[in-house]
Amino acid sequence: MATAAPRKSAASGKTLSRRILVNVKRDQTAATPRVIWAHEFPILEAIFGEGNVTQLPAESLDEGYSAKAGGEILPFNKKQDTARRPSESVGIGFVFTGDARSEFERLAGVYERDAEVNQAVVETVYGRFQTGIFEAALGLAEYSDMPDAQLRELVIGHGYLPLVGHDSSPEERKEAEAMRTKLNTMGREELLALAEELAGALA
């Protein structure tokens, strides 16, 4: 999924909407874990009732995690690449960087209407988009607010890694692999600098 460039803010101690893991209790017997943006939490509470939506620690997704691939997929992973943690692969902790109005409209479609007041549930919770309350709940993210995994995804999305296909030469494949390894081992400051450089080149 494409990610919009972060909106800049010089504010300190700002609140930002991040990806979180929650448990949604639908009735007395059914509860469903879901990965959502933090700004969706009060919407789910409005639908399922206060106390029926609880945040879970990201680590609960990583139970049984092994850094090495299982034997059943070894024929397809001969180099034993390090497997990503489930909490990383679903983006828990990633900060929201999309367009606020588009997100408001997405939520209006996903959560539909509040039958009691005949308006979108997102509007029941946050009011009309024009009030600015919803936009404030998302916050204004900077690159420095992003975890390393999100910065890496952003860099890849900006075309940092060369495309490798069936027709690529061994040299092209080797170069792409070396660049991926370098990206995966970059320190935070280097990642930040690379993300800002690529974004500036695309501006």
Protein backbone atom coordinates (compact mmCIF):
# COMPACT_ATOMS: atom_id res chain seq x y z
CA MET A 1 0.00 0.00 0.00
CA ALA A 2 1.38 3.40 -0.95
CA THR A 3 2.15 5.77 1.89
CA ALA A 4 1.81 9.53 1.65
CA ALA A 5 4.74 11.68 2.71
CA PRO A 6 4.58 12.60 6.42
CA ARG A 7 3.07 15.95 7.23
CA LYS A 8 5.61 18.12 9.03
CA SER A 9 5.10 19.49 12.52
CA ALA A 10 7.48 21.18 14.92
CA ALA A 11 5.22 20.40 17.89
CA SER A 12 6.78 18.48 20.76
CA GLY A 13 4.94 15.86 22.75
CA LYS A 14 2.32 15.52 20.03
CA THR A 15 -0.25 12.76 19.88
CA LEU A 16 -0.04 10.54 16.82
CA SER A 17 -2.29 7.74 15.63
CA ARG A 18 -0.39 4.44 15.40
CA ARG A 19 -1.21 0.87 14.45
CA ILE A 20 -2.33 -1.08 17.51
CA LEU A 21 -3.63 -4.55 18.32
CA VAL A 22 -7.02 -4.75 19.99
CA ASN A 23 -9.43 -7.43 21.12
CA VAL A 24 -13.07 -6.80 20.18
CA LYS A 25 -15.67 -8.58 22.33
CA ARG A 26 -18.65 -9.01 20.03
CA ASP A 27 -20.82 -10.92 22.53
CA GLN A 28 -20.46 -13.11 25.62
CA THR A 29 -18.72 -15.90 23.70
CA ALA A 30 -16.93 -14.28 20.76
CA ALA A 31 -13.88 -12.00 20.81
CA THR A 32 -11.81 -11.07 17.78
CA PRO A 33 -8.26 -9.68 17.69
CA ARG A 34 -7.83 -6.89 15.13
CA VAL A 35 -5.03 -4.58 14.01
CA ILE A 36 -6.37 -1.03 13.67
CA TRP A 37 -5.26 2.57 13.77
CA ALA A 38 -5.53 4.11 17.23
CA HIS A 39 -8.06 6.63 15.91
CA GLU A 40 -10.41 3.72 15.15
CA PHE A 41 -10.50 2.64 18.81
CA PRO A 42 -13.28 5.05 19.92
CA ILE A 43 -15.30 4.13 16.82
CA LEU A 44 -15.20 0.45 17.77
CA GLU A 45 -16.15 1.39 21.34
CA ALA A 46 -19.14 3.31 20.00
CA ILE A 47 -20.23 0.23 18.06
CA PHE A 48 -19.50 -2.56 20.57
CA GLY A 49 -19.73 -0.66 23.85
CA GLU A 50 -17.20 0.76 26.27
CA GLY A 51 -15.11 -1.97 27.86
CA ASN A 52 -15.64 -4.38 24.98
CA VAL A 53 -12.59 -3.14 23.08
CA THR A 54 -9.24 -3.59 24.80
CA GLN A 55 -5.72 -2.94 23.57
CA LEU A 56 -3.36 -5.92 23.58
CA PRO A 57 0.44 -5.83 23.77
CA ALA A 58 2.08 -6.21 20.36
CA GLU A 59 4.20 -9.06 21.75
CA SER A 60 1.11 -11.27 21.98
CA LEU A 61 1.27 -11.63 18.20
CA ASP A 62 4.82 -12.92 18.42
CA GLU A 63 4.11 -16.01 20.56
CA GLY A 64 5.84 -18.98 18.94
CA TYR A 65 7.92 -16.71 16.71
CA SER A 66 11.21 -18.07 15.36
CA ALA A 67 13.75 -15.92 13.54
CA LYS A 68 14.56 -18.80 11.19
CA ALA A 69 12.17 -20.25 8.65
CA GLY A 70 10.53 -23.57 9.43
CA GLY A 71 11.72 -26.78 7.79
CA GLU A 72 8.59 -27.05 5.69
CA ILE A 73 9.61 -24.03 3.61
CA LEU A 74 13.34 -24.72 3.44
CA PRO A 75 13.16 -25.77 -0.24
CA PHE A 76 11.99 -22.21 -0.96
CA ASN A 77 14.27 -20.45 1.52
CA LYS A 78 17.64 -22.14 1.21
CA LYS A 79 19.53 -19.14 2.64
CA GLN A 80 17.48 -19.26 5.85
CA ASP A 81 16.42 -15.62 5.67
CA THR A 82 15.41 -14.13 9.00
CA ALA A 83 11.63 -14.19 9.30
CA ARG A 84 9.97 -10.93 10.33
CA ARG A 85 8.11 -10.84 13.62
CA PRO A 86 4.33 -10.97 13.07
CA SER A 87 3.97 -7.68 14.98
CA GLU A 88 6.35 -6.08 12.47
CA SER A 89 4.75 -7.60 9.39
CA VAL A 90 1.35 -6.10 10.24
CA GLY A 91 2.87 -2.72 11.09
CA ILE A 92 2.08 -2.42 14.78
CA GLY A 93 3.59 0.84 16.02
CA PHE A 94 3.58 2.39 12.53
CA VAL A 95 2.41 6.00 12.57
CA PHE A 96 -0.45 7.17 10.36
CA THR A 97 0.82 9.29 7.46
CA GLY A 98 -2.12 9.28 5.05
CA ASP A 99 -4.55 11.98 3.99
CA ALA A 100 -6.99 12.89 6.78
CA ARG A 101 -10.04 13.50 4.58
CA SER A 102 -9.51 10.25 2.65
CA GLU A 103 -9.21 8.37 5.94
CA PHE A 104 -12.40 9.97 7.27
CA GLU A 105 -14.24 8.85 4.13
CA ARG A 106 -12.74 5.34 4.39
CA LEU A 107 -13.97 5.00 7.96
CA ALA A 108 -17.41 6.27 6.96
CA GLY A 109 -17.57 3.42 4.45
CA VAL A 110 -16.09 0.73 6.70
CA TYR A 111 -18.17 1.42 9.81
CA GLU A 112 -21.26 2.68 7.97
CA ARG A 113 -24.03 4.60 9.72
CA ASP A 114 -25.25 5.01 13.27
CA ALA A 115 -28.90 4.01 12.93
CA GLU A 116 -29.98 5.96 16.03
CA VAL A 117 -28.85 9.33 14.71
CA ASN A 118 -28.71 8.50 10.98
CA GLN A 119 -25.13 9.57 10.37
CA ALA A 120 -21.78 7.86 9.85
CA VAL A 121 -20.38 6.39 13.06
CA VAL A 122 -17.10 8.22 12.48
CA GLU A 123 -19.09 11.47 12.45
CA THR A 124 -20.94 10.48 15.64
CA VAL A 125 -17.59 10.02 17.37
CA TYR A 126 -15.55 12.88 15.90
CA GLY A 127 -18.14 15.29 14.53
CA ARG A 128 -18.03 16.66 10.99
CA PHE A 129 -14.65 16.60 9.28
CA GLN A 130 -14.66 20.41 9.05
CA THR A 131 -14.41 20.75 12.85
CA GLY A 132 -10.79 19.55 12.73
CA ILE A 133 -11.25 17.14 15.67
CA PHE A 134 -10.62 14.08 13.52
CA GLU A 135 -7.55 15.60 11.90
CA ALA A 136 -6.17 16.48 15.34
CA ALA A 137 -6.63 12.85 16.45
CA LEU A 138 -4.40 11.70 13.60
CA GLY A 139 -1.63 14.15 14.41
CA LEU A 140 1.09 15.49 12.15
CA ALA A 141 3.83 12.90 11.68
CA GLU A 142 7.47 13.46 10.86
CA TYR A 143 9.96 10.87 9.66
CA SER A 144 11.52 10.86 13.12
CA ASP A 145 8.19 9.61 14.53
CA MET A 146 8.35 6.43 12.43
CA PRO A 147 9.79 3.15 13.71
CA ASP A 148 12.68 1.69 11.72
CA ALA A 149 10.48 -0.93 10.01
CA GLN A 150 8.18 1.79 8.68
CA LEU A 151 11.12 3.85 7.45
CA ARG A 152 12.40 0.81 5.55
CA GLU A 153 9.00 0.28 3.92
CA LEU A 154 8.88 3.95 2.98
CA VAL A 155 12.35 3.80 1.43
CA ILE A 156 11.43 0.70 -0.58
CA GLY A 157 8.21 2.40 -1.69
CA HIS A 158 10.30 5.32 -2.95
CA GLY A 159 12.15 2.94 -5.28
CA TYR A 160 15.38 2.44 -3.34
CA LEU A 161 15.67 -1.23 -4.31
CA PRO A 162 16.09 -2.13 -7.99
CA LEU A 163 13.36 -4.30 -9.49
CA VAL A 164 14.47 -7.88 -10.05
CA GLY A 165 12.57 -10.24 -12.32
CA HIS A 166 13.00 -13.54 -14.15
CA ASP A 167 15.02 -11.79 -16.86
CA SER A 168 17.44 -10.15 -14.42
CA SER A 169 21.10 -11.10 -14.66
CA PRO A 170 22.99 -12.72 -11.75
CA GLU A 171 24.83 -9.42 -11.28
CA GLU A 172 21.53 -7.49 -11.00
CA ARG A 173 20.20 -10.01 -8.50
CA LYS A 174 23.40 -9.79 -6.47
CA GLU A 175 23.26 -6.00 -6.44
CA ALA A 176 19.63 -5.98 -5.31
CA GLU A 177 20.41 -8.48 -2.55
CA ALA A 178 23.36 -6.40 -1.36
CA MET A 179 21.21 -3.25 -1.26
CA ARG A 180 18.48 -5.07 0.68
CA THR A 181 21.02 -6.35 3.20
CA LYS A 182 22.43 -2.85 3.58
CA LEU A 183 18.94 -1.42 4.12
CA ASN A 184 18.09 -4.06 6.74
CA THR A 185 21.26 -3.31 8.72
CA MET A 186 21.17 0.50 8.52
CA GLY A 187 21.20 2.43 11.78
CA ARG A 188 18.36 4.79 12.59
CA GLU A 189 20.15 8.03 11.65
CA GLU A 190 21.15 6.62 8.27
CA LEU A 191 17.59 5.42 7.65
CA LEU A 192 16.18 8.85 8.48
CA ALA A 193 18.66 10.58 6.19
CA LEU A 194 17.89 8.16 3.33
CA ALA A 195 14.10 8.58 3.71
CA GLU A 196 14.39 12.37 3.66
CA GLU A 197 16.77 12.29 0.69
CA LEU A 198 14.47 10.05 -1.39
CA ALA A 199 11.38 12.06 -0.48
CA GLY A 200 13.17 15.26 -1.47
CA ALA A 201 14.14 13.77 -4.82
CA LEU A 202 10.51 12.81 -5.50
CA ALA A 203 9.05 16.17 -4.40
